């Protein structure tokens, strides 16, 4: 019979959960921004409005999915006594935000 796994310190488990919830709030913020852009922005060209509105909604969905995967991965690593993996998506998120800013500024210039 295998020995029972060592009980994790509740502080670490709860810190992992708080991080998950912070990422979910970030995802919700992205989606809300996209919905507001879809409903509130008036561009002369309709396709520009969707070009600005859709990426944050999609990004929100991706961030929410990644938040869950991260939470599960970190929980499993802590329970197995392995080091926590490096955050792989942070650079991608930052690059995506820069690209999105350029797209929005370009859309504003085209529509202006």
Protein backbone atom coordinates (compact mmCIF):
# COMPACT_ATOMS: atom_id res chain seq x y z
CA UNK A 1 0.00 0.00 0.00
CA UNK A 2 1.35 3.42 -0.98
CA UNK A 3 2.03 5.99 1.69
CA UNK A 4 -0.44 8.88 1.75
CA UNK A 5 0.72 12.05 0.05
CA UNK A 6 2.08 14.72 2.34
CA UNK A 7 -0.49 17.40 3.12
CA UNK A 8 0.27 20.67 1.37
CA UNK A 9 0.37 23.88 3.29
CA UNK A 10 -3.04 25.50 2.83
CA UNK A 11 -1.39 28.85 2.13
CA UNK A 12 0.17 27.51 -1.06
CA UNK A 13 -3.04 25.88 -2.23
CA UNK A 14 -5.00 29.08 -1.58
CA UNK A 15 -2.32 31.25 -3.22
CA UNK A 16 -2.60 29.08 -6.35
CA UNK A 17 -6.38 29.51 -6.25
CA UNK A 18 -6.08 33.30 -5.85
CA UNK A 19 -3.76 33.40 -8.85
CA UNK A 20 -6.31 31.40 -10.85
CA UNK A 21 -9.06 33.84 -9.85
CA UNK A 22 -6.87 36.82 -10.79
CA UNK A 23 -6.39 35.35 -14.27
CA UNK A 24 -10.14 34.75 -14.55
CA UNK A 25 -10.76 38.41 -13.63
CA UNK A 26 -8.27 39.42 -16.32
CA UNK A 27 -10.09 37.21 -18.84
CA UNK A 28 -13.42 38.75 -17.83
CA UNK A 29 -11.94 42.23 -18.31
CA UNK A 30 -10.77 41.33 -21.81
CA UNK A 31 -14.18 39.96 -22.74
CA UNK A 32 -16.00 42.96 -21.28
CA UNK A 33 -13.76 45.34 -23.24
CA UNK A 34 -14.49 43.45 -26.44
CA UNK A 35 -18.24 43.51 -25.82
CA UNK A 36 -18.16 47.23 -25.08
CA UNK A 37 -16.15 47.82 -28.26
CA UNK A 38 -18.66 45.79 -30.28
CA UNK A 39 -21.63 47.71 -28.93
CA UNK A 40 -20.36 51.21 -28.22
CA UNK A 41 -17.83 52.07 -30.92
CA UNK A 42 -18.97 53.73 -34.12
CA UNK A 43 -16.63 53.34 -37.02
CA UNK A 44 -17.40 54.49 -40.51
CA UNK A 45 -16.46 51.00 -41.69
CA UNK A 46 -18.27 48.17 -39.89
CA UNK A 47 -15.39 45.71 -40.32
CA UNK A 48 -13.10 48.01 -38.30
CA UNK A 49 -15.45 47.81 -35.32
CA UNK A 50 -15.26 44.02 -35.42
CA UNK A 51 -11.49 44.12 -35.94
CA UNK A 52 -11.24 46.05 -32.66
CA UNK A 53 -13.95 44.10 -30.77
CA UNK A 54 -13.23 40.45 -31.54
CA UNK A 55 -9.58 40.07 -30.38
CA UNK A 56 -10.23 40.95 -26.71
CA UNK A 57 -13.17 38.54 -26.57
CA UNK A 58 -11.06 35.73 -28.03
CA UNK A 59 -8.12 36.67 -25.78
CA UNK A 60 -10.41 36.53 -22.75
CA UNK A 61 -11.53 33.02 -23.64
CA UNK A 62 -7.92 31.90 -24.17
CA UNK A 63 -6.73 33.48 -20.91
CA UNK A 64 -9.58 31.80 -18.98
CA UNK A 65 -8.69 28.41 -20.46
CA UNK A 66 -5.01 28.91 -19.75
CA UNK A 67 -5.82 29.98 -16.17
CA UNK A 68 -7.49 26.65 -15.53
CA UNK A 69 -4.64 24.70 -17.14
CA UNK A 70 -2.11 26.69 -15.09
CA UNK A 71 -3.99 26.09 -11.85
CA UNK A 72 -4.13 22.32 -12.50
CA UNK A 73 -0.46 22.16 -13.55
CA UNK A 74 0.75 24.09 -10.51
CA UNK A 75 -1.44 22.09 -8.14
CA UNK A 76 -0.12 18.80 -9.54
CA UNK A 77 3.48 20.03 -9.32
CA UNK A 78 3.08 21.13 -5.70
CA UNK A 79 1.44 17.83 -4.71
CA UNK A 80 4.20 15.84 -6.43
CA UNK A 81 6.96 17.95 -4.86
CA UNK A 82 8.21 19.14 -8.26
CA UNK A 83 9.36 22.70 -8.99
CA UNK A 84 6.69 24.95 -10.43
CA UNK A 85 6.96 25.44 -14.19
CA UNK A 86 7.76 28.86 -15.61
CA UNK A 87 4.83 30.93 -16.86
CA UNK A 88 4.94 30.28 -20.60
CA UNK A 89 2.04 32.46 -21.67
CA UNK A 90 3.10 35.79 -20.19
CA UNK A 91 5.42 36.75 -23.06
CA UNK A 92 2.75 35.73 -25.58
CA UNK A 93 0.17 37.85 -23.77
CA UNK A 94 2.48 40.88 -23.74
CA UNK A 95 3.31 40.51 -27.45
CA UNK A 96 -0.39 40.08 -28.24
CA UNK A 97 -1.22 43.30 -26.39
CA UNK A 98 1.42 45.22 -28.36
CA UNK A 99 0.12 43.85 -31.66
CA UNK A 100 -3.46 44.65 -30.63
CA UNK A 101 -2.51 48.24 -29.75
CA UNK A 102 -0.98 48.67 -33.22
CA UNK A 103 -4.13 47.21 -34.84
CA UNK A 104 -6.41 49.55 -32.87
CA UNK A 105 -4.31 52.62 -33.62
CA UNK A 106 -4.23 51.66 -37.31
CA UNK A 107 -8.02 51.19 -37.31
CA UNK A 108 -8.45 54.64 -35.78
CA UNK A 109 -6.21 56.19 -38.40
CA UNK A 110 -8.02 54.43 -41.26
CA UNK A 111 -11.41 55.48 -39.96
CA UNK A 112 -10.37 59.03 -39.09
